[in-house]
PDB file of N, CA and C in Angstrom:
ATOM      1  N   UNK A   1       0.844  -1.170   0.000  1.00  0.00           N
ATOM      2  CA  UNK A   1       0.000   0.000   0.000  1.00  0.00           C
ATOM      3  C   UNK A   1       0.895   1.240   0.000  1.00  0.00           C
ATOM      4  N   UNK A   2       0.505   2.207  -0.829  1.00  0.00           N
ATOM      5  CA  UNK A   2       1.272   3.450  -0.925  1.00  0.00           C
ATOM      6  C   UNK A   2       0.452   4.623  -0.415  1.00  0.00           C
ATOM      7  N   UNK A   3       1.157   5.636   0.105  1.00  0.00           N
ATOM      8  CA  UNK A   3       0.481   6.858   0.520  1.00  0.00           C
ATOM      9  C   UNK A   3       0.399   7.823  -0.658  1.00  0.00           C
ATOM     10  N   UNK A   4      -0.104   9.028  -0.416  1.00  0.00           N
ATOM     11  CA  UNK A   4      -0.264  10.011  -1.496  1.00  0.00           C
ATOM     12  C   UNK A   4       1.056  10.441  -2.114  1.00  0.00           C
ATOM     13  N   UNK A   5       2.133  10.364  -1.343  1.00  0.00           N
ATOM     14  CA  UNK A   5       3.448  10.750  -1.846  1.00  0.00           C
ATOM     15  C   UNK A   5       4.124   9.626  -2.631  1.00  0.00           C
ATOM     16  N   UNK A   6       3.461   8.456  -2.694  1.00  0.00           N
ATOM     17  CA  UNK A   6       4.031   7.323  -3.413  1.00  0.00           C
ATOM     18  C   UNK A   6       4.973   6.475  -2.585  1.00  0.00           C
ATOM     19  N   UNK A   7       5.038   6.745  -1.288  1.00  0.00           N
ATOM     20  CA  UNK A   7       5.896   5.973  -0.392  1.00  0.00           C
ATOM     21  C   UNK A   7       5.182   4.704   0.034  1.00  0.00           C
ATOM     22  N   UNK A   8       5.873   3.602  -0.049  1.00  0.00           N
ATOM     23  CA  UNK A   8       5.299   2.315   0.363  1.00  0.00           C
ATOM     24  C   UNK A   8       5.209   2.270   1.882  1.00  0.00           C
ATOM     25  N   UNK A   9       4.025   1.911   2.395  1.00  0.00           N
ATOM     26  CA  UNK A   9       3.841   1.799   3.838  1.00  0.00           C
ATOM     27  C   UNK A   9       4.362   0.450   4.323  1.00  0.00           C
ATOM     28  N   UNK A  10       4.825   0.437   5.551  1.00  0.00           N
ATOM     29  CA  UNK A  10       5.244  -0.830   6.154  1.00  0.00           C
ATOM     30  C   UNK A  10       4.000  -1.675   6.426  1.00  0.00           C
ATOM     31  N   UNK A  11       4.206  -2.919   6.755  1.00  0.00           N
ATOM     32  CA  UNK A  11       3.084  -3.808   7.061  1.00  0.00           C
ATOM     33  C   UNK A  11       2.277  -3.289   8.248  1.00  0.00           C
ATOM     34  N   UNK A  12       2.967  -2.808   9.273  1.00  0.00           N
ATOM     35  CA  UNK A  12       2.283  -2.278  10.461  1.00  0.00           C
ATOM     36  C   UNK A  12       1.479  -1.024  10.112  1.00  0.00           C
ATOM     37  N   UNK A  13       2.044  -0.150   9.295  1.00  0.00           N
ATOM     38  CA  UNK A  13       1.332   1.062   8.890  1.00  0.00           C
ATOM     39  C   UNK A  13       0.096   0.713   8.065  1.00  0.00           C
ATOM     40  N   UNK A  14       0.236  -0.248   7.181  1.00  0.00           N
ATOM     41  CA  UNK A  14      -0.900  -0.678   6.357  1.00  0.00           C
ATOM     42  C   UNK A  14      -2.013  -1.274   7.221  1.00  0.00           C
ATOM     43  N   UNK A  15      -1.647  -1.980   8.269  1.00  0.00           N
ATOM     44  CA  UNK A  15      -2.655  -2.536   9.178  1.00  0.00           C
ATOM     45  C   UNK A  15      -3.403  -1.424   9.907  1.00  0.00           C
ATOM     46  N   UNK A  16      -2.693  -0.371  10.296  1.00  0.00           N
ATOM     47  CA  UNK A  16      -3.353   0.770  10.928  1.00  0.00           C
ATOM     48  C   UNK A  16      -4.333   1.433   9.965  1.00  0.00           C
ATOM     49  N   UNK A  17      -3.965   1.533   8.702  1.00  0.00           N
ATOM     50  CA  UNK A  17      -4.863   2.095   7.694  1.00  0.00           C
ATOM     51  C   UNK A  17      -6.121   1.230   7.594  1.00  0.00           C
ATOM     52  N   UNK A  18      -5.949  -0.077   7.587  1.00  0.00           N
ATOM     53  CA  UNK A  18      -7.092  -0.998   7.528  1.00  0.00           C
ATOM     54  C   UNK A  18      -7.999  -0.836   8.742  1.00  0.00           C
ATOM     55  N   UNK A  19      -7.409  -0.690   9.922  1.00  0.00           N
ATOM     56  CA  UNK A  19      -8.192  -0.503  11.148  1.00  0.00           C
ATOM     57  C   UNK A  19      -8.992   0.787  11.067  1.00  0.00           C
ATOM     58  N   UNK A  20      -8.361   1.863  10.627  1.00  0.00           N
ATOM     59  CA  UNK A  20      -9.055   3.144  10.487  1.00  0.00           C
ATOM     60  C   UNK A  20     -10.243   2.998   9.536  1.00  0.00           C
ATOM     61  N   UNK A  21     -10.009   2.402   8.394  1.00  0.00           N
ATOM     62  CA  UNK A  21     -11.070   2.277   7.389  1.00  0.00           C
ATOM     63  C   UNK A  21     -12.230   1.427   7.892  1.00  0.00           C
ATOM     64  N   UNK A  22     -11.937   0.343   8.586  1.00  0.00           N
ATOM     65  CA  UNK A  22     -12.994  -0.512   9.126  1.00  0.00           C
ATOM     66  C   UNK A  22     -13.773   0.203  10.217  1.00  0.00           C
ATOM     67  N   UNK A  23     -13.085   0.885  11.122  1.00  0.00           N
ATOM     68  CA  UNK A  23     -13.768   1.622  12.179  1.00  0.00           C
ATOM     69  C   UNK A  23     -14.614   2.744  11.575  1.00  0.00           C
ATOM     70  N   UNK A  24     -14.113   3.398  10.550  1.00  0.00           N
ATOM     71  CA  UNK A  24     -14.874   4.440   9.868  1.00  0.00           C
ATOM     72  C   UNK A  24     -16.171   3.855   9.302  1.00  0.00           C
ATOM     73  N   UNK A  25     -16.084   2.684   8.668  1.00  0.00           N
ATOM     74  CA  UNK A  25     -17.275   2.036   8.119  1.00  0.00           C
ATOM     75  C   UNK A  25     -18.277   1.704   9.220  1.00  0.00           C
ATOM     76  N   UNK A  26     -17.791   1.206  10.343  1.00  0.00           N
ATOM     77  CA  UNK A  26     -18.678   0.840  11.449  1.00  0.00           C
ATOM     78  C   UNK A  26     -19.405   2.070  11.986  1.00  0.00           C
ATOM     79  N   UNK A  27     -18.656   3.127  12.249  1.00  0.00           N
ATOM     80  CA  UNK A  27     -19.270   4.350  12.793  1.00  0.00           C
ATOM     81  C   UNK A  27     -20.236   4.948  11.781  1.00  0.00           C
ATOM     82  N   UNK A  28     -19.903   4.901  10.515  1.00  0.00           N
ATOM     83  CA  UNK A  28     -20.738   5.481   9.471  1.00  0.00           C
ATOM     84  C   UNK A  28     -22.006   4.659   9.221  1.00  0.00           C
ATOM     85  N   UNK A  29     -21.861   3.337   9.139  1.00  0.00           N
ATOM     86  CA  UNK A  29     -22.972   2.496   8.704  1.00  0.00           C
ATOM     87  C   UNK A  29     -23.762   1.851   9.842  1.00  0.00           C
ATOM     88  N   UNK A  30     -23.162   1.714  11.012  1.00  0.00           N
ATOM     89  CA  UNK A  30     -23.809   0.964  12.090  1.00  0.00           C
ATOM     90  C   UNK A  30     -24.030   1.779  13.351  1.00  0.00           C
ATOM     91  N   UNK A  31     -23.928   3.087  13.263  1.00  0.00           N
ATOM     92  CA  UNK A  31     -24.021   3.935  14.456  1.00  0.00           C
ATOM     93  C   UNK A  31     -25.320   3.707  15.210  1.00  0.00           C
ATOM     94  N   UNK A  32     -26.414   3.507  14.497  1.00  0.00           N
ATOM     95  CA  UNK A  32     -27.706   3.328  15.157  1.00  0.00           C
ATOM     96  C   UNK A  32     -27.830   1.994  15.881  1.00  0.00           C
ATOM     97  N   UNK A  33     -26.932   1.066  15.623  1.00  0.00           N
ATOM     98  CA  UNK A  33     -26.951  -0.237  16.284  1.00  0.00           C
ATOM     99  C   UNK A  33     -26.067  -0.279  17.534  1.00  0.00           C
ATOM    100  N   UNK A  34     -25.282   0.774  17.741  1.00  0.00           N
ATOM    101  CA  UNK A  34     -24.351   0.795  18.863  1.00  0.00           C
ATOM    102  C   UNK A  34     -24.961   1.505  20.066  1.00  0.00           C
ATOM    103  N   UNK A  35     -24.667   1.013  21.275  1.00  0.00           N
ATOM    104  CA  UNK A  35     -25.093   1.761  22.463  1.00  0.00           C
ATOM    105  C   UNK A  35     -24.353   3.105  22.499  1.00  0.00           C
ATOM    106  N   UNK A  36     -24.940   4.108  23.140  1.00  0.00           N
ATOM    107  CA  UNK A  36     -24.327   5.444  23.145  1.00  0.00           C
ATOM    108  C   UNK A  36     -22.868   5.461  23.591  1.00  0.00           C
ATOM    109  N   UNK A  37     -22.525   4.717  24.648  1.00  0.00           N
ATOM    110  CA  UNK A  37     -21.133   4.726  25.115  1.00  0.00           C
ATOM    111  C   UNK A  37     -20.202   4.150  24.063  1.00  0.00           C
ATOM    112  N   UNK A  38     -20.645   3.116  23.358  1.00  0.00           N
ATOM    113  CA  UNK A  38     -19.801   2.484  22.339  1.00  0.00           C
ATOM    114  C   UNK A  38     -19.594   3.424  21.151  1.00  0.00           C
ATOM    115  N   UNK A  39     -20.653   4.117  20.754  1.00  0.00           N
ATOM    116  CA  UNK A  39     -20.534   5.053  19.640  1.00  0.00           C
ATOM    117  C   UNK A  39     -19.610   6.213  19.999  1.00  0.00           C
ATOM    118  N   UNK A  40     -19.750   6.756  21.210  1.00  0.00           N
ATOM    119  CA  UNK A  40     -18.874   7.856  21.626  1.00  0.00           C
ATOM    120  C   UNK A  40     -17.415   7.422  21.643  1.00  0.00           C
ATOM    121  N   UNK A  41     -17.146   6.264  22.206  1.00  0.00           N
ATOM    122  CA  UNK A  41     -15.759   5.792  22.292  1.00  0.00           C
ATOM    123  C   UNK A  41     -15.210   5.392  20.927  1.00  0.00           C
ATOM    124  N   UNK A  42     -16.040   4.831  20.076  1.00  0.00           N
ATOM    125  CA  UNK A  42     -15.594   4.493  18.719  1.00  0.00           C
ATOM    126  C   UNK A  42     -15.258   5.768  17.943  1.00  0.00           C
ATOM    127  N   UNK A  43     -16.060   6.811  18.146  1.00  0.00           N
ATOM    128  CA  UNK A  43     -15.800   8.093  17.477  1.00  0.00           C
ATOM    129  C   UNK A  43     -14.504   8.710  17.982  1.00  0.00           C
ATOM    130  N   UNK A  44     -14.249   8.605  19.274  1.00  0.00           N
ATOM    131  CA  UNK A  44     -12.978   9.107  19.829  1.00  0.00           C
ATOM    132  C   UNK A  44     -11.792   8.333  19.258  1.00  0.00           C
ATOM    133  N   UNK A  45     -11.940   7.013  19.179  1.00  0.00           N
ATOM    134  CA  UNK A  45     -10.864   6.188  18.623  1.00  0.00           C
ATOM    135  C   UNK A  45     -10.631   6.524  17.155  1.00  0.00           C
ATOM    136  N   UNK A  46     -11.718   6.749  16.424  1.00  0.00           N
ATOM    137  CA  UNK A  46     -11.601   7.115  15.025  1.00  0.00           C
ATOM    138  C   UNK A  46     -10.860   8.443  14.866  1.00  0.00           C
ATOM    139  N   UNK A  47     -11.155   9.389  15.749  1.00  0.00           N
ATOM    140  CA  UNK A  47     -10.461  10.680  15.713  1.00  0.00           C
ATOM    141  C   UNK A  47      -8.967  10.514  15.954  1.00  0.00           C
ATOM    142  N   UNK A  48      -8.608   9.643  16.868  1.00  0.00           N
ATOM    143  CA  UNK A  48      -7.186   9.386  17.131  1.00  0.00           C
ATOM    144  C   UNK A  48      -6.521   8.730  15.932  1.00  0.00           C
ATOM    145  N   UNK A  49      -7.197   7.763  15.335  1.00  0.00           N
ATOM    146  CA  UNK A  49      -6.635   7.105  14.161  1.00  0.00           C
ATOM    147  C   UNK A  49      -6.576   8.048  12.959  1.00  0.00           C
ATOM    148  N   UNK A  50      -7.460   9.052  12.942  1.00  0.00           N
ATOM    149  CA  UNK A  50      -7.395  10.062  11.877  1.00  0.00           C
ATOM    150  C   UNK A  50      -6.027  10.732  11.893  1.00  0.00           C
ATOM    151  N   UNK A  51      -5.515  11.012  13.092  1.00  0.00           N
ATOM    152  CA  UNK A  51      -4.198  11.639  13.216  1.00  0.00           C
ATOM    153  C   UNK A  51      -3.112  10.741  12.617  1.00  0.00           C
ATOM    154  N   UNK A  52      -3.245   9.436  12.826  1.00  0.00           N
ATOM    155  CA  UNK A  52      -2.292   8.481  12.248  1.00  0.00           C
ATOM    156  C   UNK A  52      -2.373   8.530  10.730  1.00  0.00           C
ATOM    157  N   UNK A  53      -3.599   8.489  10.201  1.00  0.00           N
ATOM    158  CA  UNK A  53      -3.791   8.531   8.746  1.00  0.00           C
ATOM    159  C   UNK A  53      -3.205   9.811   8.158  1.00  0.00           C
ATOM    160  N   UNK A  54      -3.449  10.926   8.812  1.00  0.00           N
ATOM    161  CA  UNK A  54      -2.921  12.210   8.348  1.00  0.00           C
ATOM    162  C   UNK A  54      -1.395  12.183   8.359  1.00  0.00           C
ATOM    163  N   UNK A  55      -0.812  11.644   9.421  1.00  0.00           N
ATOM    164  CA  UNK A  55       0.645  11.559   9.523  1.00  0.00           C
ATOM    165  C   UNK A  55       1.265  10.643   8.481  1.00  0.00           C
ATOM    166  N   UNK A  56       0.507   9.657   8.029  1.00  0.00           N
ATOM    167  CA  UNK A  56       0.998   8.730   7.004  1.00  0.00           C
ATOM    168  C   UNK A  56       0.721   9.245   5.580  1.00  0.00           C
ATOM    169  N   UNK A  57       0.183  10.449   5.461  1.00  0.00           N
ATOM    170  CA  UNK A  57      -0.177  11.025   4.154  1.00  0.00           C
ATOM    171  C   UNK A  57      -1.182  10.162   3.393  1.00  0.00           C
ATOM    172  N   UNK A  58      -2.228   9.725   4.117  1.00  0.00           N
ATOM    173  CA  UNK A  58      -3.238   8.879   3.495  1.00  0.00           C
ATOM    174  C   UNK A  58      -4.529   9.624   3.147  1.00  0.00           C
ATOM    175  N   UNK A  59      -4.576  10.952   3.334  1.00  0.00           N
ATOM    176  CA  UNK A  59      -5.734  11.774   3.009  1.00  0.00           C
ATOM    177  C   UNK A  59      -7.029  11.196   3.596  1.00  0.00           C
ATOM    178  N   UNK A  60      -7.158  11.264   4.924  1.00  0.00           N
ATOM    179  CA  UNK A  60      -8.320  10.650   5.564  1.00  0.00           C
ATOM    180  C   UNK A  60      -9.627  11.423   5.408  1.00  0.00           C
ATOM    181  N   UNK A  61      -9.581  12.599   4.802  1.00  0.00           N
ATOM    182  CA  UNK A  61     -10.805  13.387   4.683  1.00  0.00           C
ATOM    183  C   UNK A  61     -11.180  13.996   6.025  1.00  0.00           C
ATOM    184  N   UNK A  62     -12.427  14.393   6.164  1.00  0.00           N
ATOM    185  CA  UNK A  62     -12.913  14.998   7.394  1.00  0.00           C
ATOM    186  C   UNK A  62     -13.899  14.080   8.099  1.00  0.00           C
ATOM    187  N   UNK A  63     -14.016  14.230   9.394  1.00  0.00           N
ATOM    188  CA  UNK A  63     -14.910  13.385  10.194  1.00  0.00           C
ATOM    189  C   UNK A  63     -16.106  14.142  10.744  1.00  0.00           C
ATOM    190  N   UNK A  64     -16.309  15.369  10.319  1.00  0.00           N
ATOM    191  CA  UNK A  64     -17.386  16.193  10.890  1.00  0.00           C
ATOM    192  C   UNK A  64     -18.744  15.527  10.718  1.00  0.00           C
ATOM    193  N   UNK A  65     -18.979  14.861   9.592  1.00  0.00           N
ATOM    194  CA  UNK A  65     -20.266  14.228   9.354  1.00  0.00           C
ATOM    195  C   UNK A  65     -20.522  13.040  10.286  1.00  0.00           C
ATOM    196  N   UNK A  66     -19.476  12.539  10.941  1.00  0.00           N
ATOM    197  CA  UNK A  66     -19.624  11.428  11.893  1.00  0.00           C
ATOM    198  C   UNK A  66     -19.651  11.901  13.339  1.00  0.00           C
ATOM    199  N   UNK A  67     -19.615  13.206  13.533  1.00  0.00           N
ATOM    200  CA  UNK A  67     -19.700  13.741  14.876  1.00  0.00           C
ATOM    201  C   UNK A  67     -18.362  13.912  15.561  1.00  0.00           C
ATOM    202  N   UNK A  68     -17.278  13.846  14.827  1.00  0.00           N
ATOM    203  CA  UNK A  68     -15.953  14.000  15.425  1.00  0.00           C
ATOM    204  C   UNK A  68     -15.444  15.410  15.222  1.00  0.00           C
TER     205      UNK A  68
END
């Protein structure tokens, strides 16, 4: 997997990207199925992983529509 600059990510970095993307899908598509505490904490975790994505030059977009 490559970032926007064309740099190949390490295996660990690529796994973090996968985790971010999966958590983003869960918060986006399944928010109504989660208890309030789980949704709040998942959103906080997603915000933290956003920082990782940004640092890896993966263009994570914005999270405002998910409440972050």
